[in-house]
């Protein structure tokens, strides 16, 4: 499944996804992560979707948020929130270029839609986007390989690399592992195979 097909699938479910998100509380892991950040931090939200609830929460906490997503329909919804200190751009992560450096990067439920052949390239690019000491929170699978799933009648592609290889790549790309949660579960987020917070050395 190509990035273009993922884009089309998210465009097709945008209204349903937006309705679902509007009924959600902010994830506890995001609340806890935000508390570790300095005031007015510059934050990149990879796969920001409609901007709700994560980008909205961070913006109203006083941070400067940049949201990117491959779906133009999702980005349109995010822009309609008219959030203070927030900008949203329709772009593939690997096509995103900026001179800005971020204090934090969040990739919540987004990186596993990137193609398997791209997975090892993610962390070096994120490292270049972060300031020294900047933090990166992301969700990830625990198994190595590719799979498909269905949501709102649309097929979606997923991929991840093995946890052991992920750890090695993080260290090679100048990250310090801060927290690792395997089989992460909490009420607002539900369950995730892996949640990690790392810091650029």
Protein backbone atom coordinates (compact mmCIF):
# COMPACT_ATOMS: atom_id res chain seq x y z
CA UNK A 1 0.00 0.00 0.00
CA UNK A 2 1.51 3.32 -1.08
CA UNK A 3 1.58 6.56 0.89
CA UNK A 4 -0.93 7.91 -1.65
CA UNK A 5 -3.35 5.08 -0.79
CA UNK A 6 -2.96 5.81 2.95
CA UNK A 7 -3.70 9.46 2.18
CA UNK A 8 -6.85 8.53 0.26
CA UNK A 9 -8.02 6.17 3.01
CA UNK A 10 -7.73 8.88 5.66
CA UNK A 11 -9.44 11.39 3.38
CA UNK A 12 -12.32 8.93 3.01
CA UNK A 13 -12.81 8.44 6.76
CA UNK A 14 -12.16 12.04 7.78
CA UNK A 15 -15.70 12.85 8.95
CA UNK A 16 -16.03 9.62 10.93
CA UNK A 17 -12.57 10.05 12.41
CA UNK A 18 -13.33 13.64 13.38
CA UNK A 19 -16.55 12.62 15.14
CA UNK A 20 -14.66 9.89 17.00
CA UNK A 21 -11.87 12.23 18.08
CA UNK A 22 -14.28 14.90 19.32
CA UNK A 23 -15.61 12.32 21.78
CA UNK A 24 -12.16 11.55 23.19
CA UNK A 25 -10.35 12.99 26.21
CA UNK A 26 -6.71 13.95 25.93
CA UNK A 27 -4.38 10.97 26.39
CA UNK A 28 -2.86 10.71 29.85
CA UNK A 29 0.54 9.96 28.31
CA UNK A 30 0.37 13.27 26.41
CA UNK A 31 -0.59 15.15 29.60
CA UNK A 32 2.36 13.60 31.44
CA UNK A 33 4.70 14.32 28.53
CA UNK A 34 3.59 17.96 28.32
CA UNK A 35 4.43 18.42 32.01
CA UNK A 36 8.03 17.53 31.25
CA UNK A 37 8.36 20.33 28.67
CA UNK A 38 9.42 23.93 29.21
CA UNK A 39 6.84 26.64 28.71
CA UNK A 40 6.30 27.78 25.13
CA UNK A 41 8.08 24.76 23.68
CA UNK A 42 8.11 24.30 19.92
CA UNK A 43 6.42 20.96 19.18
CA UNK A 44 6.08 19.00 15.93
CA UNK A 45 3.06 16.68 15.77
CA UNK A 46 3.65 14.03 13.06
CA UNK A 47 0.37 12.65 11.78
CA UNK A 48 -1.63 15.31 13.59
CA UNK A 49 -4.90 14.28 11.94
CA UNK A 50 -7.72 16.71 12.70
CA UNK A 51 -5.69 18.42 15.42
CA UNK A 52 -7.96 17.12 18.16
CA UNK A 53 -7.26 16.32 20.92
CA UNK A 54 -3.43 16.40 20.96
CA UNK A 55 -2.52 19.55 19.02
CA UNK A 56 -5.39 21.47 20.60
CA UNK A 57 -4.31 20.47 24.11
CA UNK A 58 -0.69 21.44 23.48
CA UNK A 59 -1.63 24.77 21.91
CA UNK A 60 -3.86 25.69 24.83
CA UNK A 61 -1.05 24.76 27.20
CA UNK A 62 0.83 27.63 25.57
CA UNK A 63 3.15 25.70 23.27
CA UNK A 64 3.92 26.50 19.63
CA UNK A 65 2.60 23.61 17.58
CA UNK A 66 3.38 22.53 14.03
CA UNK A 67 1.13 19.73 12.80
CA UNK A 68 1.75 17.71 9.65
CA UNK A 69 -0.40 15.05 8.06
CA UNK A 70 -0.60 13.29 4.71
CA UNK A 71 -4.38 13.83 4.47
CA UNK A 72 -5.57 17.20 3.17
CA UNK A 73 -9.05 16.57 4.60
CA UNK A 74 -7.61 16.04 8.07
CA UNK A 75 -5.47 19.17 7.79
CA UNK A 76 -8.50 21.19 6.71
CA UNK A 77 -10.30 20.09 9.90
CA UNK A 78 -7.25 20.97 12.00
CA UNK A 79 -7.05 24.47 10.49
CA UNK A 80 -10.74 25.02 11.27
CA UNK A 81 -9.93 24.73 14.99
CA UNK A 82 -8.22 28.16 14.74
CA UNK A 83 -5.80 27.22 17.48
CA UNK A 84 -3.49 29.85 18.96
CA UNK A 85 0.19 29.40 18.04
CA UNK A 86 -0.52 26.41 15.79
CA UNK A 87 0.11 25.81 12.10
CA UNK A 88 -0.88 22.77 10.06
CA UNK A 89 0.60 21.51 6.80
CA UNK A 90 -0.43 18.79 4.39
CA UNK A 91 2.77 16.85 3.74
CA UNK A 92 4.36 13.45 3.93
CA UNK A 93 6.81 13.28 6.82
CA UNK A 94 9.72 12.51 4.49
CA UNK A 95 8.85 15.53 2.33
CA UNK A 96 8.67 17.89 5.32
CA UNK A 97 11.54 20.39 5.37
CA UNK A 98 12.06 23.33 7.70
CA UNK A 99 14.85 25.41 9.18
CA UNK A 100 13.00 25.32 12.49
CA UNK A 101 14.28 23.16 15.35
CA UNK A 102 11.78 21.66 17.77
CA UNK A 103 11.91 21.12 21.52
CA UNK A 104 9.70 18.05 21.20
CA UNK A 105 8.29 15.76 18.53
CA UNK A 106 5.20 13.57 18.92
CA UNK A 107 4.26 10.75 16.57
CA UNK A 108 1.19 9.18 18.11
CA UNK A 109 -0.25 6.31 16.05
CA UNK A 110 1.29 7.64 12.84
CA UNK A 111 4.70 6.10 12.11
CA UNK A 112 3.30 2.62 11.65
CA UNK A 113 1.56 3.81 8.47
CA UNK A 114 4.95 4.58 6.93
CA UNK A 115 6.30 1.95 4.59
CA UNK A 116 8.47 -0.80 6.03
CA UNK A 117 11.40 0.27 3.83
CA UNK A 118 11.20 3.75 5.40
CA UNK A 119 11.05 2.72 9.04
CA UNK A 120 14.80 2.85 9.67
CA UNK A 121 15.05 6.36 8.21
CA UNK A 122 12.55 7.95 10.60
CA UNK A 123 14.81 8.42 13.60
CA UNK A 124 17.70 10.18 11.89
CA UNK A 125 15.27 12.69 10.37
CA UNK A 126 13.57 13.29 13.73
CA UNK A 127 16.97 13.79 15.38
CA UNK A 128 17.80 16.51 12.84
CA UNK A 129 14.53 18.27 13.64
CA UNK A 130 15.16 18.35 17.39
CA UNK A 131 17.27 20.68 19.50
CA UNK A 132 19.85 19.10 21.80
CA UNK A 133 17.92 17.66 24.74
CA UNK A 134 14.71 17.62 22.71
CA UNK A 135 12.26 14.81 23.42
CA UNK A 136 10.46 12.42 21.09
CA UNK A 137 7.31 10.52 22.11
CA UNK A 138 6.03 7.86 19.74
CA UNK A 139 3.97 4.69 19.51
CA UNK A 140 5.31 1.65 17.68
CA UNK A 141 4.62 -2.01 17.03
CA UNK A 142 6.50 -4.82 18.75
CA UNK A 143 6.77 -7.18 15.78
CA UNK A 144 8.91 -6.91 12.66
CA UNK A 145 7.07 -6.75 9.35
CA UNK A 146 3.99 -5.49 7.55
CA UNK A 147 0.27 -6.02 8.06
CA UNK A 148 -3.12 -4.68 7.01
CA UNK A 149 -6.20 -3.71 8.97
CA UNK A 150 -9.60 -2.13 8.42
CA UNK A 151 -11.13 1.01 9.89
CA UNK A 152 -14.48 2.51 8.92
CA UNK A 153 -14.57 0.26 5.86
CA UNK A 154 -11.15 1.38 4.58
CA UNK A 155 -8.03 -0.76 4.39
CA UNK A 156 -4.93 0.53 6.18
CA UNK A 157 -1.30 -0.51 5.99
CA UNK A 158 0.91 -0.96 9.06
CA UNK A 159 4.60 -1.73 9.51
CA UNK A 160 7.24 -1.76 12.21
CA UNK A 161 10.72 -3.03 12.87
CA UNK A 162 11.72 -5.37 15.70
CA UNK A 163 12.12 -3.79 19.12
CA UNK A 164 15.77 -4.85 19.40
CA UNK A 165 16.59 -3.19 16.08
CA UNK A 166 14.62 -0.10 17.07
CA UNK A 167 16.70 0.26 20.22
CA UNK A 168 19.92 -0.05 18.22
CA UNK A 169 18.81 2.56 15.67
CA UNK A 170 17.81 5.00 18.41
CA UNK A 171 21.25 4.76 19.98
CA UNK A 172 22.95 5.12 16.58
CA UNK A 173 20.96 8.27 15.83
CA UNK A 174 22.05 9.94 19.08
CA UNK A 175 18.98 9.26 21.21
CA UNK A 176 18.92 8.37 24.88
CA UNK A 177 16.03 6.13 25.85
CA UNK A 178 14.08 7.81 28.66
CA UNK A 179 11.03 5.57 29.05
CA UNK A 180 9.84 2.35 27.44
CA UNK A 181 6.33 1.00 27.93
CA UNK A 182 5.61 -2.37 26.38
CA UNK A 183 1.92 -3.30 26.17
CA UNK A 184 1.00 0.18 27.37
CA UNK A 185 -2.56 0.48 28.67
CA UNK A 186 -4.46 3.38 30.22
CA UNK A 187 -8.07 4.47 30.14
CA UNK A 188 -7.95 7.46 27.80
CA UNK A 189 -5.52 5.93 25.27
CA UNK A 190 -6.45 2.28 25.41
CA UNK A 191 -3.74 -0.27 24.64
CA UNK A 192 -0.62 0.15 22.50
CA UNK A 193 2.09 -2.43 21.80
CA UNK A 194 4.86 0.05 22.53
CA UNK A 195 5.13 3.64 23.74
CA UNK A 196 8.56 5.24 24.00
CA UNK A 197 10.02 8.57 25.04
CA UNK A 198 13.57 9.30 23.96
CA UNK A 199 15.81 12.38 24.20
CA UNK A 200 18.36 13.71 21.74
CA UNK A 201 21.82 13.74 23.30
